[in-house]
Amino acid sequence: MKLDSKLFDRIRIKPDPARRERDGLPPCEWPGCGERAPHRAPMGRHREGEYHRFCLEHVKQYNQSYNYFAGMSDASVAAFQRDALTGHRPTWKVGVDQAGSRQAASKRATAKTTRDPFDLFGGGRAPAPEQPETARPVSAIVRRALDTFDIEASATAVEIKARYKLLVKRHHPDANGGDRASEERLRQVIQAYGVLKGAGFC
């Protein structure tokens, strides 16, 4: 086989890129132009996804005069731009159905079946129902701890802590000249506070 064969050149050598591009392109759509058209230009409103094919010179001319909003009034352009913010999909306010009416019936049903302490459903914040006060269950060890503090089971956590601080100051050995009896009493107060804390009283 000769190295300068036409068949050999056609198989082994890549064709010229410019020639390959020209061969696969449609002709320019500009009237009177016979050039190949590598450039696409949009056809316009209501024809999205469709394109003209132009050569470089004619696509420049087309783009200079192209106006997507041609023939639309200012109000229509403003409405189009407003709808474009949401991708031209319908929207409505929270708590309003697609027809624009309040969902009052749904709210009433929700209010009847659900507590809404943070007013998420917009029905007005309803106060939480008052719970009747029930006495805390007190075991024997907790009763002894309360007796050590000389307080009732209905005392709040703040009252128990205040009483604890007072008793610690009163029975601390440094406040009583190192008296051993006072030291024993302080140990009882600290143990009683641990019991009350473990029982959830403070």
C-alpha atoms as a PDB file:
ATOM      1  CA  MET A   1       0.000   0.000   0.000  1.00  0.00           C
ATOM      2  CA  LYS A   2       1.355   3.411  -0.933  1.00  0.00           C
ATOM      3  CA  LEU A   3       1.653   6.008   1.837  1.00  0.00           C
ATOM      4  CA  ASP A   4       0.186   8.775  -0.338  1.00  0.00           C
ATOM      5  CA  SER A   5      -2.985   6.782  -1.064  1.00  0.00           C
ATOM      6  CA  LYS A   6      -6.307   8.677  -0.865  1.00  0.00           C
ATOM      7  CA  LEU A   7      -7.796   5.739   1.034  1.00  0.00           C
ATOM      8  CA  PHE A   8      -4.977   5.818   3.590  1.00  0.00           C
ATOM      9  CA  ASP A   9      -5.397   9.580   4.174  1.00  0.00           C
ATOM     10  CA  ARG A  10      -9.153   9.249   4.601  1.00  0.00           C
ATOM     11  CA  ILE A  11      -8.810   6.516   7.245  1.00  0.00           C
ATOM     12  CA  ARG A  12      -5.813   7.676   9.231  1.00  0.00           C
ATOM     13  CA  ILE A  13      -5.935  11.461   9.221  1.00  0.00           C
ATOM     14  CA  LYS A  14      -8.577  13.382  11.167  1.00  0.00           C
ATOM     15  CA  PRO A  15     -10.548  15.698   8.948  1.00  0.00           C
ATOM     16  CA  ASP A  16     -10.066  19.422   9.364  1.00  0.00           C
ATOM     17  CA  PRO A  17     -12.195  20.571  12.400  1.00  0.00           C
ATOM     18  CA  ALA A  18     -13.513  23.593  10.530  1.00  0.00           C
ATOM     19  CA  ARG A  19     -14.577  21.398   7.605  1.00  0.00           C
ATOM     20  CA  ARG A  20     -16.193  18.864   9.941  1.00  0.00           C
ATOM     21  CA  GLU A  21     -18.121  21.676  11.701  1.00  0.00           C
ATOM     22  CA  ARG A  22     -19.247  23.157   8.401  1.00  0.00           C
ATOM     23  CA  ASP A  23     -20.437  19.787   7.081  1.00  0.00           C
ATOM     24  CA  GLY A  24     -22.661  19.062  10.115  1.00  0.00           C
ATOM     25  CA  LEU A  25     -24.358  22.507  10.419  1.00  0.00           C
ATOM     26  CA  PRO A  26     -27.607  23.756   8.863  1.00  0.00           C
ATOM     27  CA  PRO A  27     -27.560  26.853   6.664  1.00  0.00           C
ATOM     28  CA  CYS A  28     -28.151  30.322   8.163  1.00  0.00           C
ATOM     29  CA  GLU A  29     -31.867  31.263   8.293  1.00  0.00           C
ATOM     30  CA  TRP A  30     -31.201  34.926   7.486  1.00  0.00           C
ATOM     31  CA  PRO A  31     -32.773  35.730   4.094  1.00  0.00           C
ATOM     32  CA  GLY A  32     -30.188  35.669   1.335  1.00  0.00           C
ATOM     33  CA  CYS A  33     -27.386  34.184   3.488  1.00  0.00           C
ATOM     34  CA  GLY A  34     -25.852  30.855   2.491  1.00  0.00           C
ATOM     35  CA  GLU A  35     -23.317  30.497   5.315  1.00  0.00           C
ATOM     36  CA  ARG A  36     -23.378  27.643   7.792  1.00  0.00           C
ATOM     37  CA  ALA A  37     -25.159  28.485  11.124  1.00  0.00           C
ATOM     38  CA  PRO A  38     -23.294  27.411  14.282  1.00  0.00           C
ATOM     39  CA  HIS A  39     -25.186  29.861  16.545  1.00  0.00           C
ATOM     40  CA  ARG A  40     -28.654  29.473  18.043  1.00  0.00           C
ATOM     41  CA  ALA A  41     -30.984  32.374  18.820  1.00  0.00           C
ATOM     42  CA  PRO A  42     -34.295  32.081  20.746  1.00  0.00           C
ATOM     43  CA  MET A  43     -37.485  32.407  18.723  1.00  0.00           C
ATOM     44  CA  GLY A  44     -39.298  34.393  21.407  1.00  0.00           C
ATOM     45  CA  ARG A  45     -42.157  34.370  23.866  1.00  0.00           C
ATOM     46  CA  HIS A  46     -44.516  31.349  23.768  1.00  0.00           C
ATOM     47  CA  ARG A  47     -41.891  29.469  21.745  1.00  0.00           C
ATOM     48  CA  GLU A  48     -39.513  28.561  24.546  1.00  0.00           C
ATOM     49  CA  GLY A  49     -37.057  25.817  23.615  1.00  0.00           C
ATOM     50  CA  GLU A  50     -37.195  26.686  19.884  1.00  0.00           C
ATOM     51  CA  TYR A  51     -34.280  28.418  18.173  1.00  0.00           C
ATOM     52  CA  HIS A  52     -33.276  30.091  14.927  1.00  0.00           C
ATOM     53  CA  ARG A  53     -29.910  29.105  13.447  1.00  0.00           C
ATOM     54  CA  PHE A  54     -27.685  31.966  12.281  1.00  0.00           C
ATOM     55  CA  CYS A  55     -24.116  32.632  11.265  1.00  0.00           C
ATOM     56  CA  LEU A  56     -22.031  34.883  13.517  1.00  0.00           C
ATOM     57  CA  GLU A  57     -22.800  38.167  11.729  1.00  0.00           C
ATOM     58  CA  HIS A  58     -26.539  37.571  11.580  1.00  0.00           C
ATOM     59  CA  VAL A  59     -26.868  36.270  15.162  1.00  0.00           C
ATOM     60  CA  LYS A  60     -25.267  39.545  16.319  1.00  0.00           C
ATOM     61  CA  GLN A  61     -27.837  41.549  14.356  1.00  0.00           C
ATOM     62  CA  TYR A  62     -30.695  39.401  15.616  1.00  0.00           C
ATOM     63  CA  ASN A  63     -29.604  39.730  19.264  1.00  0.00           C
ATOM     64  CA  GLN A  64     -29.355  43.521  19.026  1.00  0.00           C
ATOM     65  CA  SER A  65     -33.012  43.791  18.035  1.00  0.00           C
ATOM     66  CA  TYR A  66     -34.363  40.895  20.143  1.00  0.00           C
ATOM     67  CA  ASN A  67     -36.940  41.807  22.823  1.00  0.00           C
ATOM     68  CA  TYR A  68     -38.711  39.054  24.745  1.00  0.00           C
ATOM     69  CA  PHE A  69     -41.381  41.488  25.994  1.00  0.00           C
ATOM     70  CA  ALA A  70     -42.217  43.004  22.590  1.00  0.00           C
ATOM     71  CA  GLY A  71     -45.954  43.679  22.303  1.00  0.00           C
ATOM     72  CA  MET A  72     -46.624  43.499  26.045  1.00  0.00           C
ATOM     73  CA  SER A  73     -47.939  46.408  28.124  1.00  0.00           C
ATOM     74  CA  ASP A  74     -45.985  47.717  31.129  1.00  0.00           C
ATOM     75  CA  ALA A  75     -48.512  46.130  33.507  1.00  0.00           C
ATOM     76  CA  SER A  76     -48.120  42.762  31.771  1.00  0.00           C
ATOM     77  CA  VAL A  77     -44.322  42.988  31.978  1.00  0.00           C
ATOM     78  CA  ALA A  78     -44.512  43.847  35.702  1.00  0.00           C
ATOM     79  CA  ALA A  79     -46.905  40.922  36.318  1.00  0.00           C
ATOM     80  CA  PHE A  80     -44.596  38.576  34.409  1.00  0.00           C
ATOM     81  CA  GLN A  81     -41.579  39.687  36.455  1.00  0.00           C
ATOM     82  CA  ARG A  82     -43.548  39.266  39.712  1.00  0.00           C
ATOM     83  CA  ASP A  83     -44.585  35.737  38.717  1.00  0.00           C
ATOM     84  CA  ALA A  84     -41.005  34.927  37.690  1.00  0.00           C
ATOM     85  CA  LEU A  85     -39.953  35.262  41.347  1.00  0.00           C
ATOM     86  CA  THR A  86     -41.822  32.025  42.121  1.00  0.00           C
ATOM     87  CA  GLY A  87     -41.080  30.303  38.825  1.00  0.00           C
ATOM     88  CA  HIS A  88     -44.606  31.089  37.521  1.00  0.00           C
ATOM     89  CA  ARG A  89     -46.107  28.668  40.051  1.00  0.00           C
ATOM     90  CA  PRO A  90     -49.193  29.549  42.132  1.00  0.00           C
ATOM     91  CA  THR A  91     -48.599  30.673  45.713  1.00  0.00           C
ATOM     92  CA  TRP A  92     -50.821  31.655  48.634  1.00  0.00           C
ATOM     93  CA  LYS A  93     -50.379  32.904  52.174  1.00  0.00           C
ATOM     94  CA  VAL A  94     -50.024  30.522  55.089  1.00  0.00           C
ATOM     95  CA  GLY A  95     -53.467  29.674  56.460  1.00  0.00           C
ATOM     96  CA  VAL A  96     -55.212  30.378  53.141  1.00  0.00           C
ATOM     97  CA  ASP A  97     -56.241  27.657  50.725  1.00  0.00           C
ATOM     98  CA  GLN A  98     -55.715  27.789  46.950  1.00  0.00           C
ATOM     99  CA  ALA A  99     -59.032  29.545  46.378  1.00  0.00           C
ATOM    100  CA  GLY A 100     -57.939  32.309  48.807  1.00  0.00           C
ATOM    101  CA  SER A 101     -60.480  31.658  51.557  1.00  0.00           C
ATOM    102  CA  ARG A 102     -59.619  31.229  55.226  1.00  0.00           C
ATOM    103  CA  GLN A 103     -59.727  27.706  56.524  1.00  0.00           C
ATOM    104  CA  ALA A 104     -61.946  28.599  59.451  1.00  0.00           C
ATOM    105  CA  ALA A 105     -63.596  25.203  59.720  1.00  0.00           C
ATOM    106  CA  SER A 106     -60.246  23.484  59.791  1.00  0.00           C
ATOM    107  CA  LYS A 107     -59.029  25.884  62.465  1.00  0.00           C
ATOM    108  CA  ARG A 108     -62.064  25.258  64.613  1.00  0.00           C
ATOM    109  CA  ALA A 109     -61.569  21.520  64.313  1.00  0.00           C
ATOM    110  CA  THR A 110     -57.877  21.910  65.140  1.00  0.00           C
ATOM    111  CA  ALA A 111     -58.623  24.150  68.116  1.00  0.00           C
ATOM    112  CA  LYS A 112     -61.001  21.566  69.515  1.00  0.00           C
ATOM    113  CA  THR A 113     -58.573  18.683  69.240  1.00  0.00           C
ATOM    114  CA  THR A 114     -55.195  20.360  69.788  1.00  0.00           C
ATOM    115  CA  ARG A 115     -53.639  22.604  72.395  1.00  0.00           C
ATOM    116  CA  ASP A 116     -51.948  25.535  70.666  1.00  0.00           C
ATOM    117  CA  PRO A 117     -49.818  27.296  73.307  1.00  0.00           C
ATOM    118  CA  PHE A 118     -47.742  29.161  70.701  1.00  0.00           C
ATOM    119  CA  ASP A 119     -50.722  30.197  68.519  1.00  0.00           C
ATOM    120  CA  LEU A 120     -49.391  28.401  65.423  1.00  0.00           C
ATOM    121  CA  PHE A 121     -52.882  27.971  63.970  1.00  0.00           C
ATOM    122  CA  GLY A 122     -53.873  31.609  64.537  1.00  0.00           C
ATOM    123  CA  GLY A 123     -56.919  30.958  66.664  1.00  0.00           C
ATOM    124  CA  GLY A 124     -55.749  33.144  69.548  1.00  0.00           C
ATOM    125  CA  ARG A 125     -53.538  31.773  72.254  1.00  0.00           C
ATOM    126  CA  ALA A 126     -55.651  29.719  74.589  1.00  0.00           C
ATOM    127  CA  PRO A 127     -54.466  29.490  78.183  1.00  0.00           C
ATOM    128  CA  ALA A 128     -53.336  26.072  79.257  1.00  0.00           C
ATOM    129  CA  PRO A 129     -55.943  24.312  81.353  1.00  0.00           C
ATOM    130  CA  GLU A 130     -55.211  24.656  85.042  1.00  0.00           C
ATOM    131  CA  GLN A 131     -54.049  21.470  86.633  1.00  0.00           C
ATOM    132  CA  PRO A 132     -55.452  20.752  90.076  1.00  0.00           C
ATOM    133  CA  GLU A 133     -52.726  20.813  92.703  1.00  0.00           C
ATOM    134  CA  THR A 134     -51.946  17.372  93.968  1.00  0.00           C
ATOM    135  CA  ALA A 135     -49.826  16.679  96.986  1.00  0.00           C
ATOM    136  CA  ARG A 136     -46.441  15.195  96.190  1.00  0.00           C
ATOM    137  CA  PRO A 137     -45.997  11.627  97.340  1.00  0.00           C
ATOM    138  CA  VAL A 138     -43.689  11.628 100.349  1.00  0.00           C
ATOM    139  CA  SER A 139     -41.773   8.570 101.485  1.00  0.00           C
ATOM    140  CA  ALA A 140     -40.518   8.065 105.034  1.00  0.00           C
ATOM    141  CA  ILE A 141     -36.955   9.101 104.195  1.00  0.00           C
ATOM    142  CA  VAL A 142     -38.192  12.264 102.443  1.00  0.00           C
ATOM    143  CA  ARG A 143     -40.453  13.019 105.435  1.00  0.00           C
ATOM    144  CA  ARG A 144     -37.390  12.793 107.743  1.00  0.00           C
ATOM    145  CA  ALA A 145     -35.446  15.133 105.447  1.00  0.00           C
ATOM    146  CA  LEU A 146     -38.320  17.650 105.495  1.00  0.00           C
ATOM    147  CA  ASP A 147     -38.422  17.407 109.297  1.00  0.00           C
ATOM    148  CA  THR A 148     -34.680  18.088 109.401  1.00  0.00           C
ATOM    149  CA  PHE A 149     -35.314  21.265 107.412  1.00  0.00           C
ATOM    150  CA  ASP A 150     -38.482  21.987 109.446  1.00  0.00           C
ATOM    151  CA  ILE A 151     -40.552  22.633 106.291  1.00  0.00           C
ATOM    152  CA  GLU A 152     -43.687  21.184 104.673  1.00  0.00           C
ATOM    153  CA  ALA A 153     -43.860  19.012 101.535  1.00  0.00           C
ATOM    154  CA  SER A 154     -45.573  21.899  99.696  1.00  0.00           C
ATOM    155  CA  ALA A 155     -42.410  24.059  99.932  1.00  0.00           C
ATOM    156  CA  THR A 156     -40.941  25.246  96.636  1.00  0.00           C
ATOM    157  CA  ALA A 157     -37.415  24.526  95.409  1.00  0.00           C
ATOM    158  CA  VAL A 158     -36.419  28.145  96.137  1.00  0.00           C
ATOM    159  CA  GLU A 159     -37.651  27.889  99.731  1.00  0.00           C
ATOM    160  CA  ILE A 160     -35.820  24.576 100.267  1.00  0.00           C
ATOM    161  CA  LYS A 161     -32.548  26.000  98.912  1.00  0.00           C
ATOM    162  CA  ALA A 162     -32.862  29.117 101.067  1.00  0.00           C
ATOM    163  CA  ARG A 163     -33.504  26.993 104.143  1.00  0.00           C
ATOM    164  CA  TYR A 164     -30.498  24.792 103.294  1.00  0.00           C
ATOM    165  CA  LYS A 165     -28.174  27.807 103.035  1.00  0.00           C
ATOM    166  CA  LEU A 166     -29.454  29.166 106.346  1.00  0.00           C
ATOM    167  CA  LEU A 167     -28.954  25.852 108.181  1.00  0.00           C
ATOM    168  CA  VAL A 168     -25.450  25.352 106.714  1.00  0.00           C
ATOM    169  CA  LYS A 169     -24.420  28.813 107.901  1.00  0.00           C
ATOM    170  CA  ARG A 170     -25.969  28.212 111.327  1.00  0.00           C
ATOM    171  CA  HIS A 171     -24.421  24.774 111.985  1.00  0.00           C
ATOM    172  CA  HIS A 172     -21.031  25.137 110.306  1.00  0.00           C
ATOM    173  CA  PRO A 173     -18.209  24.366 112.829  1.00  0.00           C
ATOM    174  CA  ASP A 174     -16.464  27.653 112.043  1.00  0.00           C
ATOM    175  CA  ALA A 175     -19.564  29.531 113.162  1.00  0.00           C
ATOM    176  CA  ASN A 176     -19.778  27.504 116.399  1.00  0.00           C
ATOM    177  CA  GLY A 177     -16.178  27.454 117.554  1.00  0.00           C
ATOM    178  CA  GLY A 178     -15.550  23.882 116.314  1.00  0.00           C
ATOM    179  CA  ASP A 179     -18.405  22.355 118.383  1.00  0.00           C
ATOM    180  CA  ARG A 180     -18.772  18.606 117.527  1.00  0.00           C
ATOM    181  CA  ALA A 181     -22.558  18.607 118.100  1.00  0.00           C
ATOM    182  CA  SER A 182     -22.923  21.346 115.522  1.00  0.00           C
ATOM    183  CA  GLU A 183     -20.773  19.349 113.084  1.00  0.00           C
ATOM    184  CA  GLU A 184     -23.119  16.330 113.404  1.00  0.00           C
ATOM    185  CA  ARG A 185     -26.135  18.564 112.778  1.00  0.00           C
ATOM    186  CA  LEU A 186     -24.444  19.996 109.645  1.00  0.00           C
ATOM    187  CA  ARG A 187     -23.904  16.432 108.337  1.00  0.00           C
ATOM    188  CA  GLN A 188     -27.628  15.709 108.815  1.00  0.00           C
ATOM    189  CA  VAL A 189     -28.603  18.901 106.934  1.00  0.00           C
ATOM    190  CA  ILE A 190     -26.335  18.033 103.985  1.00  0.00           C
ATOM    191  CA  GLN A 191     -27.703  14.462 103.811  1.00  0.00           C
ATOM    192  CA  ALA A 192     -31.298  15.732 104.017  1.00  0.00           C
ATOM    193  CA  TYR A 193     -30.652  18.163 101.161  1.00  0.00           C
ATOM    194  CA  GLY A 194     -29.244  15.300  99.062  1.00  0.00           C
ATOM    195  CA  VAL A 195     -32.396  13.241  99.722  1.00  0.00           C
ATOM    196  CA  LEU A 196     -34.711  16.137  98.748  1.00  0.00           C
ATOM    197  CA  LYS A 197     -32.691  16.847  95.623  1.00  0.00           C
ATOM    198  CA  GLY A 198     -32.786  13.185  94.613  1.00  0.00           C
ATOM    199  CA  ALA A 199     -36.559  13.113  95.142  1.00  0.00           C
ATOM    200  CA  GLY A 200     -37.039  16.119  92.822  1.00  0.00           C
ATOM    201  CA  PHE A 201     -37.998  18.642  95.499  1.00  0.00           C
ATOM    202  CA  CYS A 202     -35.194  21.017  94.550  1.00  0.00           C
END
